[in-house]
């Protein structure tokens, strides 16, 4: 069941990010989650004016998810941002970067390189998925 909620969160974030890119631009990081009630939520933040970098948005989203987990309870949560590829010789210069977590402490990072084509067509490359350290949900105790 957790896997399904993680997949649904990813699909929602991907679809929204893809739509924003296809409208012709970049976007600020945003998130989504599934509450224990089954409700899918969208999360955005507005950091103070002197803190307007992507990391400030990401920290704000994670803090908001932690608060929502404490107050209401979450099954899965994740965020997405529009990043730059830093690998030398990378075919694509930009990438959608997803951080996804399930309440069981499993965390994944999904990086999908892309290029923008004429007419705001988004050309995605193969995703790279790896397990990462959880930041939203505490790691389960052994």
C-alpha atoms as a PDB file:
ATOM      1  CA  UNK A   1       0.000   0.000   0.000  1.00  0.00           C
ATOM      2  CA  UNK A   2       2.838   2.423   0.820  1.00  0.00           C
ATOM      3  CA  UNK A   3       4.415   1.712  -2.565  1.00  0.00           C
ATOM      4  CA  UNK A   4       1.146   2.705  -4.268  1.00  0.00           C
ATOM      5  CA  UNK A   5       1.006   6.022  -2.379  1.00  0.00           C
ATOM      6  CA  UNK A   6       4.639   6.727  -3.218  1.00  0.00           C
ATOM      7  CA  UNK A   7       3.918   6.022  -6.908  1.00  0.00           C
ATOM      8  CA  UNK A   8       0.806   8.234  -6.871  1.00  0.00           C
ATOM      9  CA  UNK A   9       2.760  11.076  -5.255  1.00  0.00           C
ATOM     10  CA  UNK A  10       5.500  10.736  -7.881  1.00  0.00           C
ATOM     11  CA  UNK A  11       2.999  10.667 -10.762  1.00  0.00           C
ATOM     12  CA  UNK A  12       1.213  13.761  -9.469  1.00  0.00           C
ATOM     13  CA  UNK A  13       4.495  15.670  -9.057  1.00  0.00           C
ATOM     14  CA  UNK A  14       5.755  14.566 -12.484  1.00  0.00           C
ATOM     15  CA  UNK A  15       2.528  15.525 -14.264  1.00  0.00           C
ATOM     16  CA  UNK A  16       2.433  18.960 -12.601  1.00  0.00           C
ATOM     17  CA  UNK A  17       6.129  19.654 -13.254  1.00  0.00           C
ATOM     18  CA  UNK A  18       5.825  18.502 -16.869  1.00  0.00           C
ATOM     19  CA  UNK A  19       2.821  20.796 -17.401  1.00  0.00           C
ATOM     20  CA  UNK A  20       4.728  23.771 -15.964  1.00  0.00           C
ATOM     21  CA  UNK A  21       7.727  23.095 -18.207  1.00  0.00           C
ATOM     22  CA  UNK A  22       5.483  22.702 -21.261  1.00  0.00           C
ATOM     23  CA  UNK A  23       4.019  26.142 -20.544  1.00  0.00           C
ATOM     24  CA  UNK A  24       7.433  27.501 -21.317  1.00  0.00           C
ATOM     25  CA  UNK A  25       9.312  27.954 -18.115  1.00  0.00           C
ATOM     26  CA  UNK A  26      10.980  26.851 -14.980  1.00  0.00           C
ATOM     27  CA  UNK A  27       9.239  26.687 -11.619  1.00  0.00           C
ATOM     28  CA  UNK A  28       9.909  26.965  -7.919  1.00  0.00           C
ATOM     29  CA  UNK A  29      10.129  23.723  -5.927  1.00  0.00           C
ATOM     30  CA  UNK A  30       6.783  22.325  -4.785  1.00  0.00           C
ATOM     31  CA  UNK A  31       5.583  19.147  -3.156  1.00  0.00           C
ATOM     32  CA  UNK A  32       2.706  16.755  -2.677  1.00  0.00           C
ATOM     33  CA  UNK A  33       1.748  14.178  -0.128  1.00  0.00           C
ATOM     34  CA  UNK A  34      -0.884  11.670   0.833  1.00  0.00           C
ATOM     35  CA  UNK A  35      -2.452  12.021   4.255  1.00  0.00           C
ATOM     36  CA  UNK A  36      -3.502   8.998   6.310  1.00  0.00           C
ATOM     37  CA  UNK A  37      -7.078   9.909   5.353  1.00  0.00           C
ATOM     38  CA  UNK A  38      -6.157   9.226   1.710  1.00  0.00           C
ATOM     39  CA  UNK A  39      -6.325  12.918   0.783  1.00  0.00           C
ATOM     40  CA  UNK A  40      -3.707  14.071  -1.744  1.00  0.00           C
ATOM     41  CA  UNK A  41      -2.283  17.475  -0.828  1.00  0.00           C
ATOM     42  CA  UNK A  42      -0.179  19.941  -2.811  1.00  0.00           C
ATOM     43  CA  UNK A  43       2.464  21.842  -0.870  1.00  0.00           C
ATOM     44  CA  UNK A  44       4.097  25.175  -1.664  1.00  0.00           C
ATOM     45  CA  UNK A  45       6.035  27.620   0.480  1.00  0.00           C
ATOM     46  CA  UNK A  46       6.944  31.276   0.364  1.00  0.00           C
ATOM     47  CA  UNK A  47      10.272  31.776   2.137  1.00  0.00           C
ATOM     48  CA  UNK A  48      11.245  35.241   3.379  1.00  0.00           C
ATOM     49  CA  UNK A  49      12.415  37.618   0.619  1.00  0.00           C
ATOM     50  CA  UNK A  50      16.051  37.323   1.687  1.00  0.00           C
ATOM     51  CA  UNK A  51      15.818  33.525   1.324  1.00  0.00           C
ATOM     52  CA  UNK A  52      14.641  32.910  -2.226  1.00  0.00           C
ATOM     53  CA  UNK A  53      16.934  30.074  -3.366  1.00  0.00           C
ATOM     54  CA  UNK A  54      15.815  26.560  -4.266  1.00  0.00           C
ATOM     55  CA  UNK A  55      17.284  25.176  -1.010  1.00  0.00           C
ATOM     56  CA  UNK A  56      15.125  27.619   0.998  1.00  0.00           C
ATOM     57  CA  UNK A  57      11.998  26.282  -0.713  1.00  0.00           C
ATOM     58  CA  UNK A  58      13.107  22.693  -0.173  1.00  0.00           C
ATOM     59  CA  UNK A  59      13.785  23.289   3.549  1.00  0.00           C
ATOM     60  CA  UNK A  60      10.379  24.950   3.866  1.00  0.00           C
ATOM     61  CA  UNK A  61       8.609  22.075   2.128  1.00  0.00           C
ATOM     62  CA  UNK A  62      10.306  19.476   4.330  1.00  0.00           C
ATOM     63  CA  UNK A  63       9.433  21.468   7.482  1.00  0.00           C
ATOM     64  CA  UNK A  64       5.816  21.694   6.305  1.00  0.00           C
ATOM     65  CA  UNK A  65       5.630  17.955   5.665  1.00  0.00           C
ATOM     66  CA  UNK A  66       7.045  17.237   9.130  1.00  0.00           C
ATOM     67  CA  UNK A  67       4.431  19.522  10.675  1.00  0.00           C
ATOM     68  CA  UNK A  68       1.634  17.898   8.640  1.00  0.00           C
ATOM     69  CA  UNK A  69       2.902  14.451   9.708  1.00  0.00           C
ATOM     70  CA  UNK A  70       2.752  15.491  13.374  1.00  0.00           C
ATOM     71  CA  UNK A  71      -0.675  17.147  13.148  1.00  0.00           C
ATOM     72  CA  UNK A  72      -2.585  14.971  10.657  1.00  0.00           C
ATOM     73  CA  UNK A  73      -0.349  12.086   9.596  1.00  0.00           C
ATOM     74  CA  UNK A  74       1.126  11.356   6.195  1.00  0.00           C
ATOM     75  CA  UNK A  75       1.559   8.112   4.273  1.00  0.00           C
ATOM     76  CA  UNK A  76       3.875   9.502   1.593  1.00  0.00           C
ATOM     77  CA  UNK A  77       5.343  12.846   0.628  1.00  0.00           C
ATOM     78  CA  UNK A  78       7.657  14.240  -1.981  1.00  0.00           C
ATOM     79  CA  UNK A  79       8.941  17.320  -3.704  1.00  0.00           C
ATOM     80  CA  UNK A  80      10.256  18.276  -7.109  1.00  0.00           C
ATOM     81  CA  UNK A  81      12.548  20.976  -8.409  1.00  0.00           C
ATOM     82  CA  UNK A  82      14.025  21.978 -11.746  1.00  0.00           C
ATOM     83  CA  UNK A  83      17.752  21.346 -11.504  1.00  0.00           C
ATOM     84  CA  UNK A  84      20.917  21.595 -13.554  1.00  0.00           C
ATOM     85  CA  UNK A  85      22.957  18.555 -14.565  1.00  0.00           C
ATOM     86  CA  UNK A  86      26.532  18.754 -13.358  1.00  0.00           C
ATOM     87  CA  UNK A  87      27.890  15.540 -14.873  1.00  0.00           C
ATOM     88  CA  UNK A  88      30.593  16.247 -17.399  1.00  0.00           C
ATOM     89  CA  UNK A  89      29.507  15.310 -20.896  1.00  0.00           C
ATOM     90  CA  UNK A  90      25.826  14.984 -19.905  1.00  0.00           C
ATOM     91  CA  UNK A  91      23.633  14.993 -23.003  1.00  0.00           C
ATOM     92  CA  UNK A  92      20.934  16.995 -21.224  1.00  0.00           C
ATOM     93  CA  UNK A  93      21.696  20.150 -19.235  1.00  0.00           C
ATOM     94  CA  UNK A  94      18.587  20.247 -17.049  1.00  0.00           C
ATOM     95  CA  UNK A  95      16.731  17.697 -14.953  1.00  0.00           C
ATOM     96  CA  UNK A  96      13.626  17.272 -12.858  1.00  0.00           C
ATOM     97  CA  UNK A  97      14.752  16.135  -9.422  1.00  0.00           C
ATOM     98  CA  UNK A  98      12.289  14.344  -7.134  1.00  0.00           C
ATOM     99  CA  UNK A  99      12.736  13.475  -3.459  1.00  0.00           C
ATOM    100  CA  UNK A 100      10.079  10.930  -2.433  1.00  0.00           C
ATOM    101  CA  UNK A 101       9.446   9.261   0.913  1.00  0.00           C
ATOM    102  CA  UNK A 102       7.059   6.738   2.394  1.00  0.00           C
ATOM    103  CA  UNK A 103       6.079   6.670   6.063  1.00  0.00           C
ATOM    104  CA  UNK A 104       8.092   3.471   6.518  1.00  0.00           C
ATOM    105  CA  UNK A 105      11.277   5.533   6.113  1.00  0.00           C
ATOM    106  CA  UNK A 106      12.068   4.537   2.519  1.00  0.00           C
ATOM    107  CA  UNK A 107      13.361   7.506   0.537  1.00  0.00           C
ATOM    108  CA  UNK A 108      14.115   7.756  -3.172  1.00  0.00           C
ATOM    109  CA  UNK A 109      15.668  10.348  -5.414  1.00  0.00           C
ATOM    110  CA  UNK A 110      14.552  10.323  -9.028  1.00  0.00           C
ATOM    111  CA  UNK A 111      16.491  12.439 -11.536  1.00  0.00           C
ATOM    112  CA  UNK A 112      15.055  12.814 -15.032  1.00  0.00           C
ATOM    113  CA  UNK A 113      17.269  14.766 -17.441  1.00  0.00           C
ATOM    114  CA  UNK A 114      15.452  16.731 -20.134  1.00  0.00           C
ATOM    115  CA  UNK A 115      15.828  19.206 -22.971  1.00  0.00           C
ATOM    116  CA  UNK A 116      13.347  21.758 -24.228  1.00  0.00           C
ATOM    117  CA  UNK A 117      12.563  21.515 -27.946  1.00  0.00           C
ATOM    118  CA  UNK A 118      10.918  24.091 -30.208  1.00  0.00           C
ATOM    119  CA  UNK A 119       7.270  24.589 -29.317  1.00  0.00           C
ATOM    120  CA  UNK A 120       7.892  23.896 -25.619  1.00  0.00           C
ATOM    121  CA  UNK A 121       8.166  20.164 -26.219  1.00  0.00           C
ATOM    122  CA  UNK A 122       9.938  18.469 -23.314  1.00  0.00           C
ATOM    123  CA  UNK A 123      12.305  15.682 -24.333  1.00  0.00           C
ATOM    124  CA  UNK A 124      12.933  13.442 -21.298  1.00  0.00           C
ATOM    125  CA  UNK A 125      15.842  11.030 -20.945  1.00  0.00           C
ATOM    126  CA  UNK A 126      15.810   7.832 -18.879  1.00  0.00           C
ATOM    127  CA  UNK A 127      15.272   8.421 -15.143  1.00  0.00           C
ATOM    128  CA  UNK A 128      17.950   7.620 -12.609  1.00  0.00           C
ATOM    129  CA  UNK A 129      16.526   6.255  -9.331  1.00  0.00           C
ATOM    130  CA  UNK A 130      18.481   5.705  -6.131  1.00  0.00           C
ATOM    131  CA  UNK A 131      17.704   5.246  -2.460  1.00  0.00           C
ATOM    132  CA  UNK A 132      18.672   8.214  -0.296  1.00  0.00           C
ATOM    133  CA  UNK A 133      18.557   9.227   3.355  1.00  0.00           C
ATOM    134  CA  UNK A 134      15.016  10.131   4.527  1.00  0.00           C
ATOM    135  CA  UNK A 135      14.452  13.745   5.516  1.00  0.00           C
ATOM    136  CA  UNK A 136      10.690  13.929   5.976  1.00  0.00           C
ATOM    137  CA  UNK A 137       9.896  10.803   7.963  1.00  0.00           C
ATOM    138  CA  UNK A 138      12.187   9.591  10.728  1.00  0.00           C
ATOM    139  CA  UNK A 139      13.968   6.349  10.034  1.00  0.00           C
ATOM    140  CA  UNK A 140      12.158   3.393  11.632  1.00  0.00           C
ATOM    141  CA  UNK A 141      13.891   1.982  14.686  1.00  0.00           C
ATOM    142  CA  UNK A 142      15.332  -1.550  14.307  1.00  0.00           C
END
